[in-house]
C-alpha atoms as a PDB file:
ATOM      1  CA  MET A   1       1.852 -48.594 -32.065  1.00  0.00           C
ATOM      2  CA  SER A   2       0.870 -52.248 -32.019  1.00  0.00           C
ATOM      3  CA  LEU A   3      -2.402 -51.273 -30.359  1.00  0.00           C
ATOM      4  CA  ASN A   4      -3.304 -49.049 -33.305  1.00  0.00           C
ATOM      5  CA  ILE A   5      -2.570 -51.890 -35.725  1.00  0.00           C
ATOM      6  CA  THR A   6      -4.770 -54.242 -33.702  1.00  0.00           C
ATOM      7  CA  ILE A   7      -7.596 -51.718 -33.655  1.00  0.00           C
ATOM      8  CA  ARG A   8      -7.348 -51.218 -37.410  1.00  0.00           C
ATOM      9  CA  GLU A   9      -7.511 -54.955 -38.042  1.00  0.00           C
ATOM     10  CA  ALA A  10     -10.371 -55.535 -35.622  1.00  0.00           C
ATOM     11  CA  TYR A  11     -12.623 -52.569 -36.298  1.00  0.00           C
ATOM     12  CA  GLY A  12     -11.426 -50.928 -39.496  1.00  0.00           C
ATOM     13  CA  SER A  13     -10.251 -47.451 -40.291  1.00  0.00           C
ATOM     14  CA  ASP A  14     -13.407 -45.668 -39.087  1.00  0.00           C
ATOM     15  CA  LEU A  15     -12.691 -46.386 -35.424  1.00  0.00           C
ATOM     16  CA  LEU A  16      -9.025 -45.528 -35.852  1.00  0.00           C
ATOM     17  CA  THR A  17     -10.010 -42.202 -37.396  1.00  0.00           C
ATOM     18  CA  LEU A  18     -12.350 -41.529 -34.481  1.00  0.00           C
ATOM     19  CA  ILE A  19      -9.591 -42.311 -31.984  1.00  0.00           C
ATOM     20  CA  GLU A  20      -7.157 -40.016 -33.785  1.00  0.00           C
ATOM     21  CA  TYR A  21      -9.794 -37.264 -33.876  1.00  0.00           C
ATOM     22  CA  ASN A  22     -10.442 -37.615 -30.151  1.00  0.00           C
ATOM     23  CA  ARG A  23      -6.704 -37.575 -29.438  1.00  0.00           C
ATOM     24  CA  THR A  24      -6.277 -34.413 -31.513  1.00  0.00           C
ATOM     25  CA  LEU A  25      -9.281 -32.771 -29.872  1.00  0.00           C
ATOM     26  CA  ALA A  26      -7.935 -33.584 -26.420  1.00  0.00           C
ATOM     27  CA  LYS A  27      -4.548 -32.153 -27.355  1.00  0.00           C
ATOM     28  CA  GLU A  28      -6.137 -28.949 -28.630  1.00  0.00           C
ATOM     29  CA  THR A  29      -8.250 -28.644 -25.490  1.00  0.00           C
ATOM     30  CA  GLU A  30      -5.195 -29.169 -23.278  1.00  0.00           C
ATOM     31  CA  ASN A  31      -3.228 -26.529 -25.136  1.00  0.00           C
ATOM     32  CA  LEU A  32      -6.113 -24.069 -24.965  1.00  0.00           C
ATOM     33  CA  SER A  33      -6.322 -24.612 -21.223  1.00  0.00           C
ATOM     34  CA  LEU A  34      -2.619 -23.797 -21.005  1.00  0.00           C
ATOM     35  CA  GLY A  35      -3.240 -20.591 -22.930  1.00  0.00           C
ATOM     36  CA  SER A  36      -1.245 -21.688 -25.976  1.00  0.00           C
ATOM     37  CA  SER A  37      -2.178 -22.649 -29.513  1.00  0.00           C
ATOM     38  CA  TYR A  38      -2.089 -26.252 -30.707  1.00  0.00           C
ATOM     39  CA  ILE A  39      -0.480 -24.951 -33.889  1.00  0.00           C
ATOM     40  CA  ASN A  40       2.759 -24.583 -31.934  1.00  0.00           C
ATOM     41  CA  ASP A  41       2.942 -28.369 -31.576  1.00  0.00           C
ATOM     42  CA  LEU A  42       2.362 -29.211 -35.247  1.00  0.00           C
END
């Protein structure tokens, strides 16, 4: 959690948003590869 705060302070919300998007995309891709829907984890 402290890493996210540091990133926000250093680079602003745009980078944090990009990181969150990439994390979400990776999670969706992982779930699709397992044959399940990411909606189940929401």
